[in-house]
C-alpha atoms as a PDB file:
ATOM      1  CA  MET A   1      -7.755   1.154  23.078  1.00  0.00           C
ATOM      2  CA  TRP A   2     -11.318  -0.090  23.464  1.00  0.00           C
ATOM      3  CA  ARG A   3     -12.561   2.790  21.351  1.00  0.00           C
ATOM      4  CA  LEU A   4     -10.188   1.966  18.498  1.00  0.00           C
ATOM      5  CA  GLN A   5     -11.676  -1.497  18.334  1.00  0.00           C
ATOM      6  CA  LYS A   6     -14.935   0.032  17.141  1.00  0.00           C
ATOM      7  CA  HIS A   7     -13.581   2.078  14.255  1.00  0.00           C
ATOM      8  CA  LEU A   8     -12.552   0.471  11.006  1.00  0.00           C
ATOM      9  CA  LYS A   9     -10.532   2.462   8.474  1.00  0.00           C
ATOM     10  CA  TRP A  10     -10.308   2.217   4.711  1.00  0.00           C
ATOM     11  CA  ILE A  11      -6.919   3.141   3.289  1.00  0.00           C
ATOM     12  CA  PHE A  12      -6.955   4.053  -0.400  1.00  0.00           C
ATOM     13  CA  VAL A  13      -3.800   3.807  -2.526  1.00  0.00           C
ATOM     14  CA  SER A  14      -3.962   5.296  -6.024  1.00  0.00           C
ATOM     15  CA  THR A  15      -1.869   4.338  -9.042  1.00  0.00           C
ATOM     16  CA  ALA A  16      -2.417   4.729 -12.773  1.00  0.00           C
ATOM     17  CA  ASP A  17       0.842   4.411 -14.719  1.00  0.00           C
ATOM     18  CA  THR A  18       3.444   1.739 -13.979  1.00  0.00           C
ATOM     19  CA  MET A  19       6.056   3.640 -15.991  1.00  0.00           C
ATOM     20  CA  LYS A  20       5.777   6.792 -13.869  1.00  0.00           C
ATOM     21  CA  GLU A  21       4.850   4.956 -10.662  1.00  0.00           C
ATOM     22  CA  PRO A  22       7.141   1.916 -10.293  1.00  0.00           C
ATOM     23  CA  PRO A  23       5.433  -1.161  -8.799  1.00  0.00           C
ATOM     24  CA  LEU A  24       8.201  -1.532  -6.207  1.00  0.00           C
ATOM     25  CA  ILE A  25       7.339   1.902  -4.801  1.00  0.00           C
ATOM     26  CA  THR A  26       3.650   1.015  -4.681  1.00  0.00           C
ATOM     27  CA  ALA A  27       4.528  -2.274  -2.978  1.00  0.00           C
ATOM     28  CA  ASN A  28       6.473  -0.441  -0.267  1.00  0.00           C
ATOM     29  CA  THR A  29       3.536   1.865   0.378  1.00  0.00           C
ATOM     30  CA  VAL A  30       1.187  -1.108   0.697  1.00  0.00           C
ATOM     31  CA  LEU A  31       3.585  -2.950   3.023  1.00  0.00           C
ATOM     32  CA  SER A  32       3.858   0.098   5.289  1.00  0.00           C
ATOM     33  CA  ILE A  33       0.047   0.154   5.498  1.00  0.00           C
ATOM     34  CA  LEU A  34      -0.345  -3.546   6.238  1.00  0.00           C
ATOM     35  CA  ALA A  35       2.177  -3.231   9.092  1.00  0.00           C
ATOM     36  CA  VAL A  36       0.588  -0.239  10.862  1.00  0.00           C
ATOM     37  CA  ASP A  37       0.088  -0.328  14.623  1.00  0.00           C
ATOM     38  CA  TYR A  38      -3.696  -0.637  14.547  1.00  0.00           C
ATOM     39  CA  PRO A  39      -6.119  -3.537  15.118  1.00  0.00           C
ATOM     40  CA  VAL A  40      -5.717  -5.662  11.988  1.00  0.00           C
ATOM     41  CA  ASP A  41      -9.400  -6.478  11.726  1.00  0.00           C
ATOM     42  CA  LYS A  42     -10.106  -2.738  11.546  1.00  0.00           C
ATOM     43  CA  VAL A  43      -7.758  -1.956   8.629  1.00  0.00           C
ATOM     44  CA  ALA A  44      -8.514  -2.487   4.939  1.00  0.00           C
ATOM     45  CA  CYS A  45      -6.166  -1.388   2.137  1.00  0.00           C
ATOM     46  CA  TYR A  46      -7.686  -0.795  -1.305  1.00  0.00           C
ATOM     47  CA  VAL A  47      -5.345  -0.287  -4.263  1.00  0.00           C
ATOM     48  CA  SER A  48      -6.858   1.550  -7.227  1.00  0.00           C
ATOM     49  CA  ASP A  49      -5.223   0.623 -10.540  1.00  0.00           C
ATOM     50  CA  ASP A  50      -6.621   3.175 -12.967  1.00  0.00           C
ATOM     51  CA  GLY A  51      -4.311   1.908 -15.698  1.00  0.00           C
ATOM     52  CA  ALA A  52      -5.762  -1.628 -15.568  1.00  0.00           C
ATOM     53  CA  ALA A  53      -2.205  -2.986 -15.691  1.00  0.00           C
ATOM     54  CA  MET A  54      -1.609  -6.698 -15.275  1.00  0.00           C
ATOM     55  CA  LEU A  55       1.822  -5.701 -13.948  1.00  0.00           C
ATOM     56  CA  THR A  56       0.208  -3.925 -10.986  1.00  0.00           C
ATOM     57  CA  PHE A  57      -2.040  -6.924 -10.346  1.00  0.00           C
ATOM     58  CA  GLU A  58       0.859  -9.396 -10.350  1.00  0.00           C
ATOM     59  CA  ALA A  59       3.075  -7.097  -8.276  1.00  0.00           C
ATOM     60  CA  LEU A  60       0.310  -6.830  -5.681  1.00  0.00           C
ATOM     61  CA  SER A  61       0.040 -10.612  -5.602  1.00  0.00           C
ATOM     62  CA  GLU A  62       3.778 -10.834  -4.857  1.00  0.00           C
ATOM     63  CA  THR A  63       3.401  -8.099  -2.237  1.00  0.00           C
ATOM     64  CA  SER A  64       0.668 -10.002  -0.423  1.00  0.00           C
ATOM     65  CA  GLU A  65       2.946 -13.049  -0.196  1.00  0.00           C
ATOM     66  CA  PHE A  66       5.897 -11.031   1.102  1.00  0.00           C
ATOM     67  CA  ALA A  67       3.634  -9.261   3.619  1.00  0.00           C
ATOM     68  CA  MET A  68       3.115 -12.574   5.404  1.00  0.00           C
ATOM     69  CA  LYS A  69       6.786 -12.409   6.442  1.00  0.00           C
ATOM     70  CA  TRP A  70       7.345  -8.650   6.604  1.00  0.00           C
ATOM     71  CA  VAL A  71       4.409  -7.667   8.837  1.00  0.00           C
ATOM     72  CA  PRO A  72       5.233 -10.004  11.758  1.00  0.00           C
ATOM     73  CA  PHE A  73       8.919  -9.006  11.548  1.00  0.00           C
ATOM     74  CA  CYS A  74       7.970  -5.319  11.893  1.00  0.00           C
ATOM     75  CA  LYS A  75       5.677  -5.911  14.833  1.00  0.00           C
ATOM     76  CA  ARG A  76       7.905  -8.344  16.684  1.00  0.00           C
ATOM     77  CA  PHE A  77      10.897  -5.990  16.687  1.00  0.00           C
ATOM     78  CA  ASN A  78       8.970  -2.698  16.569  1.00  0.00           C
ATOM     79  CA  ILE A  79      10.939  -1.301  13.632  1.00  0.00           C
ATOM     80  CA  GLU A  80      10.403   2.027  11.855  1.00  0.00           C
ATOM     81  CA  PRO A  81       9.745   2.895   9.097  1.00  0.00           C
ATOM     82  CA  ARG A  82       7.791  -0.135   7.943  1.00  0.00           C
ATOM     83  CA  ALA A  83       8.433   0.312   4.232  1.00  0.00           C
ATOM     84  CA  PRO A  84      11.319  -2.132   3.631  1.00  0.00           C
ATOM     85  CA  GLU A  85      13.103  -0.113   0.932  1.00  0.00           C
ATOM     86  CA  TRP A  86      13.530   2.826   3.296  1.00  0.00           C
ATOM     87  CA  TYR A  87      14.074   0.739   6.395  1.00  0.00           C
ATOM     88  CA  PHE A  88      16.998  -1.159   4.890  1.00  0.00           C
ATOM     89  CA  SER A  89      18.473   1.967   3.270  1.00  0.00           C
ATOM     90  CA  GLN A  90      18.803   3.857   6.567  1.00  0.00           C
ATOM     91  CA  LYS A  91      22.381   4.881   7.237  1.00  0.00           C
ATOM     92  CA  VAL A  92      22.255   4.001  10.913  1.00  0.00           C
ATOM     93  CA  ASP A  93      23.868   1.382  13.083  1.00  0.00           C
ATOM     94  CA  TYR A  94      21.013  -1.071  13.405  1.00  0.00           C
ATOM     95  CA  LEU A  95      22.949  -2.943  16.097  1.00  0.00           C
ATOM     96  CA  LYS A  96      22.870   0.074  18.409  1.00  0.00           C
ATOM     97  CA  ASP A  97      20.788  -0.755  21.477  1.00  0.00           C
ATOM     98  CA  LYS A  98      19.852  -4.035  19.790  1.00  0.00           C
ATOM     99  CA  VAL A  99      21.927  -6.666  21.542  1.00  0.00           C
ATOM    100  CA  ASN A 100      19.326  -9.363  20.987  1.00  0.00           C
ATOM    101  CA  PRO A 101      21.029 -11.913  18.708  1.00  0.00           C
ATOM    102  CA  GLU A 102      17.596 -13.016  17.470  1.00  0.00           C
ATOM    103  CA  PHE A 103      17.018  -9.539  16.009  1.00  0.00           C
ATOM    104  CA  VAL A 104      20.389  -9.553  14.233  1.00  0.00           C
ATOM    105  CA  ARG A 105      19.708 -12.972  12.742  1.00  0.00           C
ATOM    106  CA  GLU A 106      16.122 -12.181  11.747  1.00  0.00           C
ATOM    107  CA  ARG A 107      17.057  -8.818  10.229  1.00  0.00           C
ATOM    108  CA  ARG A 108      19.690 -10.380   8.001  1.00  0.00           C
ATOM    109  CA  ALA A 109      17.261 -13.082   6.921  1.00  0.00           C
ATOM    110  CA  MET A 110      14.531 -10.517   6.220  1.00  0.00           C
ATOM    111  CA  LYS A 111      16.891  -8.379   4.161  1.00  0.00           C
ATOM    112  CA  ARG A 112      17.659 -11.418   2.009  1.00  0.00           C
ATOM    113  CA  GLU A 113      13.929 -12.069   1.651  1.00  0.00           C
ATOM    114  CA  TYR A 114      13.375  -8.473   0.576  1.00  0.00           C
ATOM    115  CA  GLU A 115      16.183  -8.580  -1.983  1.00  0.00           C
ATOM    116  CA  GLU A 116      14.605 -11.706  -3.474  1.00  0.00           C
ATOM    117  CA  PHE A 117      11.228  -9.942  -3.471  1.00  0.00           C
ATOM    118  CA  LYS A 118      12.767  -7.016  -5.371  1.00  0.00           C
ATOM    119  CA  VAL A 119      14.211  -9.407  -7.950  1.00  0.00           C
ATOM    120  CA  ARG A 120      10.750 -10.886  -8.535  1.00  0.00           C
ATOM    121  CA  ILE A 121       9.117  -7.451  -8.850  1.00  0.00           C
ATOM    122  CA  ASN A 122      11.834  -6.174 -11.179  1.00  0.00           C
ATOM    123  CA  GLY A 123      11.464  -9.357 -13.209  1.00  0.00           C
ATOM    124  CA  LEU A 124       7.770  -8.604 -13.679  1.00  0.00           C
ATOM    125  CA  VAL A 125       8.642  -5.052 -14.727  1.00  0.00           C
ATOM    126  CA  ALA A 126      11.155  -6.330 -17.287  1.00  0.00           C
ATOM    127  CA  MET A 127       8.612  -8.763 -18.753  1.00  0.00           C
ATOM    128  CA  ALA A 128       6.023  -5.988 -19.028  1.00  0.00           C
ATOM    129  CA  GLN A 129       8.228  -3.896 -21.312  1.00  0.00           C
ATOM    130  CA  LYS A 130       7.175  -5.890 -24.377  1.00  0.00           C
ATOM    131  CA  VAL A 131       3.427  -6.314 -24.751  1.00  0.00           C
ATOM    132  CA  PRO A 132       2.401  -9.472 -26.684  1.00  0.00           C
ATOM    133  CA  GLU A 133       0.528  -8.820 -29.922  1.00  0.00           C
ATOM    134  CA  GLU A 134      -2.499 -10.718 -28.635  1.00  0.00           C
ATOM    135  CA  GLY A 135      -2.359  -8.902 -25.291  1.00  0.00           C
ATOM    136  CA  TRP A 136      -1.623 -10.204 -21.821  1.00  0.00           C
ATOM    137  CA  THR A 137      -2.858 -13.603 -20.681  1.00  0.00           C
ATOM    138  CA  MET A 138      -3.594 -14.643 -17.104  1.00  0.00           C
ATOM    139  CA  GLN A 139      -2.212 -17.789 -15.495  1.00  0.00           C
ATOM    140  CA  ASP A 140      -5.387 -19.745 -16.262  1.00  0.00           C
ATOM    141  CA  GLY A 141      -5.026 -18.927 -19.968  1.00  0.00           C
ATOM    142  CA  THR A 142      -7.803 -16.338 -20.176  1.00  0.00           C
ATOM    143  CA  PRO A 143      -7.084 -12.882 -21.643  1.00  0.00           C
ATOM    144  CA  TRP A 144      -6.356 -10.110 -19.152  1.00  0.00           C
ATOM    145  CA  PRO A 145      -9.594  -8.046 -18.945  1.00  0.00           C
ATOM    146  CA  GLY A 146      -7.644  -4.781 -18.990  1.00  0.00           C
ATOM    147  CA  ASN A 147      -5.820  -5.311 -22.278  1.00  0.00           C
ATOM    148  CA  ASN A 148      -7.771  -2.334 -23.621  1.00  0.00           C
ATOM    149  CA  VAL A 149      -7.217   0.270 -20.911  1.00  0.00           C
ATOM    150  CA  ARG A 150     -10.027   2.490 -22.256  1.00  0.00           C
ATOM    151  CA  ASP A 151     -12.638  -0.242 -22.620  1.00  0.00           C
ATOM    152  CA  HIS A 152     -12.754  -2.958 -19.963  1.00  0.00           C
ATOM    153  CA  PRO A 153     -14.973  -4.313 -17.169  1.00  0.00           C
ATOM    154  CA  GLY A 154     -14.384  -3.580 -13.520  1.00  0.00           C
ATOM    155  CA  MET A 155     -11.929  -5.880 -11.736  1.00  0.00           C
ATOM    156  CA  ILE A 156     -11.785  -6.675  -8.025  1.00  0.00           C
ATOM    157  CA  GLN A 157      -9.449  -9.152  -6.328  1.00  0.00           C
ATOM    158  CA  VAL A 158      -9.130  -9.696  -2.575  1.00  0.00           C
ATOM    159  CA  PHE A 159      -5.529 -10.743  -1.913  1.00  0.00           C
ATOM    160  CA  LEU A 160      -5.601 -10.759   1.890  1.00  0.00           C
ATOM    161  CA  GLY A 161      -8.342 -10.803   4.481  1.00  0.00           C
ATOM    162  CA  GLN A 162     -10.395 -13.780   3.376  1.00  0.00           C
ATOM    163  CA  ASN A 163     -10.258 -17.560   3.741  1.00  0.00           C
ATOM    164  CA  GLY A 164      -8.375 -17.247   7.019  1.00  0.00           C
ATOM    165  CA  ASP A 165      -5.238 -15.604   5.570  1.00  0.00           C
ATOM    166  CA  ARG A 166      -2.481 -15.604   8.210  1.00  0.00           C
ATOM    167  CA  ASP A 167       1.119 -14.479   8.398  1.00  0.00           C
ATOM    168  CA  VAL A 168       4.007 -16.885   9.046  1.00  0.00           C
ATOM    169  CA  GLU A 169       3.394 -16.608  12.798  1.00  0.00           C
ATOM    170  CA  GLY A 170      -0.284 -17.466  12.471  1.00  0.00           C
ATOM    171  CA  ASN A 171      -1.596 -13.933  13.022  1.00  0.00           C
ATOM    172  CA  GLU A 172      -4.414 -12.311  11.084  1.00  0.00           C
ATOM    173  CA  LEU A 173      -3.469  -9.773   8.404  1.00  0.00           C
ATOM    174  CA  PRO A 174      -5.311  -6.626   7.275  1.00  0.00           C
ATOM    175  CA  ARG A 175      -7.494  -6.881   4.203  1.00  0.00           C
ATOM    176  CA  LEU A 176      -5.811  -6.076   0.863  1.00  0.00           C
ATOM    177  CA  VAL A 177      -7.983  -5.486  -2.207  1.00  0.00           C
ATOM    178  CA  TYR A 178      -7.095  -4.717  -5.843  1.00  0.00           C
ATOM    179  CA  VAL A 179      -9.610  -2.570  -7.741  1.00  0.00           C
ATOM    180  CA  SER A 180      -9.617  -1.438 -11.365  1.00  0.00           C
ATOM    181  CA  ARG A 181     -12.845   0.374 -12.182  1.00  0.00           C
ATOM    182  CA  GLU A 182     -14.840  -0.190 -15.351  1.00  0.00           C
ATOM    183  CA  LYS A 183     -14.096   2.093 -18.300  1.00  0.00           C
ATOM    184  CA  ARG A 184     -16.007   2.536 -21.545  1.00  0.00           C
ATOM    185  CA  PRO A 185     -15.407   4.795 -24.570  1.00  0.00           C
ATOM    186  CA  GLY A 186     -17.365   8.022 -24.671  1.00  0.00           C
ATOM    187  CA  PHE A 187     -17.657   8.431 -20.906  1.00  0.00           C
ATOM    188  CA  ASP A 188     -15.876  11.036 -18.795  1.00  0.00           C
ATOM    189  CA  HIS A 189     -14.227   9.015 -16.032  1.00  0.00           C
ATOM    190  CA  HIS A 190     -13.122  12.105 -14.048  1.00  0.00           C
ATOM    191  CA  LYS A 191      -9.555  10.845 -13.604  1.00  0.00           C
ATOM    192  CA  LYS A 192      -8.424  10.402  -9.985  1.00  0.00           C
ATOM    193  CA  ALA A 193     -11.657  11.752  -8.510  1.00  0.00           C
ATOM    194  CA  GLY A 194     -13.592   9.106 -10.417  1.00  0.00           C
ATOM    195  CA  ALA A 195     -11.193   6.414  -9.231  1.00  0.00           C
ATOM    196  CA  MET A 196     -11.707   7.509  -5.623  1.00  0.00           C
ATOM    197  CA  ASN A 197     -15.477   7.403  -6.044  1.00  0.00           C
ATOM    198  CA  ALA A 198     -15.189   3.854  -7.378  1.00  0.00           C
ATOM    199  CA  LEU A 199     -13.122   2.839  -4.337  1.00  0.00           C
ATOM    200  CA  VAL A 200     -15.722   4.314  -2.005  1.00  0.00           C
ATOM    201  CA  ARG A 201     -18.461   2.261  -3.663  1.00  0.00           C
ATOM    202  CA  VAL A 202     -16.449  -0.984  -3.687  1.00  0.00           C
ATOM    203  CA  SER A 203     -15.198  -0.618  -0.119  1.00  0.00           C
ATOM    204  CA  ALA A 204     -18.699   0.224   1.112  1.00  0.00           C
ATOM    205  CA  VAL A 205     -19.826  -3.232   0.010  1.00  0.00           C
ATOM    206  CA  ILE A 206     -16.787  -5.132   1.315  1.00  0.00           C
ATOM    207  CA  THR A 207     -15.944  -3.400   4.612  1.00  0.00           C
ATOM    208  CA  ASN A 208     -18.099  -0.251   4.970  1.00  0.00           C
ATOM    209  CA  ALA A 209     -15.822   1.725   7.302  1.00  0.00           C
ATOM    210  CA  PRO A 210     -16.673   5.137   8.789  1.00  0.00           C
ATOM    211  CA  TYR A 211     -13.155   6.570   8.255  1.00  0.00           C
ATOM    212  CA  LEU A 212     -10.809   6.627   5.280  1.00  0.00           C
ATOM    213  CA  LEU A 213      -7.187   7.564   4.645  1.00  0.00           C
ATOM    214  CA  ASN A 214      -6.147   8.513   1.118  1.00  0.00           C
ATOM    215  CA  VAL A 215      -2.499   8.197   0.007  1.00  0.00           C
ATOM    216  CA  ASP A 216      -0.696   8.212  -3.317  1.00  0.00           C
ATOM    217  CA  CYS A 217       1.214   5.111  -4.352  1.00  0.00           C
ATOM    218  CA  ASP A 218       4.545   6.710  -3.371  1.00  0.00           C
ATOM    219  CA  HIS A 219       3.421   7.979   0.051  1.00  0.00           C
ATOM    220  CA  TYR A 220       4.534   5.311   2.484  1.00  0.00           C
ATOM    221  CA  ILE A 221       3.610   5.613   6.157  1.00  0.00           C
ATOM    222  CA  ASN A 222       6.799   6.449   8.065  1.00  0.00           C
ATOM    223  CA  ASN A 223       5.205   6.209  11.522  1.00  0.00           C
ATOM    224  CA  SER A 224       3.277   3.045  12.296  1.00  0.00           C
ATOM    225  CA  LYS A 225       1.198   4.885  14.925  1.00  0.00           C
ATOM    226  CA  ALA A 226      -0.018   7.544  12.474  1.00  0.00           C
ATOM    227  CA  LEU A 227      -3.522   6.067  12.243  1.00  0.00           C
ATOM    228  CA  ARG A 228      -3.898   6.128  16.013  1.00  0.00           C
ATOM    229  CA  GLU A 229      -2.769   9.742  16.151  1.00  0.00           C
ATOM    230  CA  ALA A 230      -5.278  10.768  13.490  1.00  0.00           C
ATOM    231  CA  MET A 231      -8.071   8.985  15.333  1.00  0.00           C
ATOM    232  CA  CYS A 232      -7.232  10.946  18.481  1.00  0.00           C
ATOM    233  CA  PHE A 233      -8.421  14.068  16.659  1.00  0.00           C
ATOM    234  CA  MET A 234     -11.543  12.397  15.296  1.00  0.00           C
ATOM    235  CA  MET A 235     -12.531  10.874  18.622  1.00  0.00           C
ATOM    236  CA  ASP A 236     -11.667  13.764  20.916  1.00  0.00           C
ATOM    237  CA  PRO A 237     -14.622  14.125  23.334  1.00  0.00           C
ATOM    238  CA  ILE A 238     -14.572  17.930  23.089  1.00  0.00           C
ATOM    239  CA  SER A 239     -13.517  18.885  19.560  1.00  0.00           C
ATOM    240  CA  GLY A 240     -14.023  15.595  17.717  1.00  0.00           C
ATOM    241  CA  LYS A 241     -17.555  16.473  16.612  1.00  0.00           C
ATOM    242  CA  LYS A 242     -16.198  19.522  14.776  1.00  0.00           C
ATOM    243  CA  ILE A 243     -13.428  17.646  12.917  1.00  0.00           C
ATOM    244  CA  CYS A 244     -13.964  15.833   9.633  1.00  0.00           C
ATOM    245  CA  TYR A 245     -10.494  15.982   8.066  1.00  0.00           C
ATOM    246  CA  VAL A 246      -6.958  15.415   9.378  1.00  0.00           C
ATOM    247  CA  GLN A 247      -3.957  16.093   7.144  1.00  0.00           C
ATOM    248  CA  PHE A 248      -0.445  14.774   7.635  1.00  0.00           C
ATOM    249  CA  PRO A 249       2.557  16.610   6.170  1.00  0.00           C
ATOM    250  CA  GLN A 250       4.441  14.969   3.323  1.00  0.00           C
ATOM    251  CA  ARG A 251       8.124  14.377   3.980  1.00  0.00           C
ATOM    252  CA  PHE A 252      10.181  13.793   0.846  1.00  0.00           C
ATOM    253  CA  ASP A 253      13.228  11.560   0.483  1.00  0.00           C
ATOM    254  CA  GLY A 254      15.920  12.193  -2.126  1.00  0.00           C
ATOM    255  CA  ILE A 255      15.230  15.865  -2.857  1.00  0.00           C
ATOM    256  CA  ASP A 256      16.741  17.032  -6.162  1.00  0.00           C
ATOM    257  CA  ARG A 257      20.278  18.230  -5.417  1.00  0.00           C
ATOM    258  CA  HIS A 258      19.770  21.183  -7.760  1.00  0.00           C
ATOM    259  CA  ASP A 259      16.751  22.277  -5.718  1.00  0.00           C
ATOM    260  CA  ARG A 260      14.729  23.188  -8.775  1.00  0.00           C
ATOM    261  CA  TYR A 261      11.370  23.381  -7.001  1.00  0.00           C
ATOM    262  CA  SER A 262      11.122  24.023  -3.314  1.00  0.00           C
ATOM    263  CA  ASN A 263      14.052  25.798  -1.699  1.00  0.00           C
ATOM    264  CA  ARG A 264      15.382  22.619  -0.097  1.00  0.00           C
ATOM    265  CA  ASN A 265      12.181  22.030   1.847  1.00  0.00           C
ATOM    266  CA  VAL A 266      11.514  18.388   2.590  1.00  0.00           C
ATOM    267  CA  VAL A 267       8.168  18.725   4.388  1.00  0.00           C
ATOM    268  CA  PHE A 268       4.991  19.984   2.713  1.00  0.00           C
ATOM    269  CA  PHE A 269       1.269  20.181   3.318  1.00  0.00           C
ATOM    270  CA  ASP A 270      -0.357  19.471  -0.037  1.00  0.00           C
END
């Protein structure tokens, strides 16, 4: 454990199109990251919004508020997975081996909180369907800098991890940062690779960690100890010096019933 305390990790989440990548899915991925079993002061989650969407920004703001309730619930009762959409959709008897009445009460309350959170996120999505002629406006009345997705300045917002942000139980939370890189006409922005490079530069200034984990916006962490397991490879006293990359398999939920792609496989290394 003492060795983990020395190693901070960046976790990069990539998104670019709110139509193809629903904000609720991105929110679940972020929540599963914020609730990982790892020292909170050594975890920083950076969300890259390559579509410069105000919807993503506002959804992340809502997510940071909900995280203040969700993260302590996960850690207090040691639940898995820590993405609420998939946790609450499990077809299992959650009362099995859970005779603690506090857990039953808190789980029901948290499910209500999550349903209300979903309503707020879906409300933002519904509002975003019709873009105002003058473009989006922020709460302070200023125009949203990303109204022109091909020509806008860089945007960075730290949602968690500054000014003493705490969860509802008074515990520190991991850092959560929104990043939308600058784009200008006539420049090749190199798509996702360029977005990742921008995250590396931004995170180097804010947290400067020696390790990073890269996930897509729909790749939630289904095992809260995954970061610890990866670090065991990196920090192995014998083989650690020869390892620079650890890959986890992707396990897919809701495989197409017609099996049009992958012969009913649900686990892939990509």
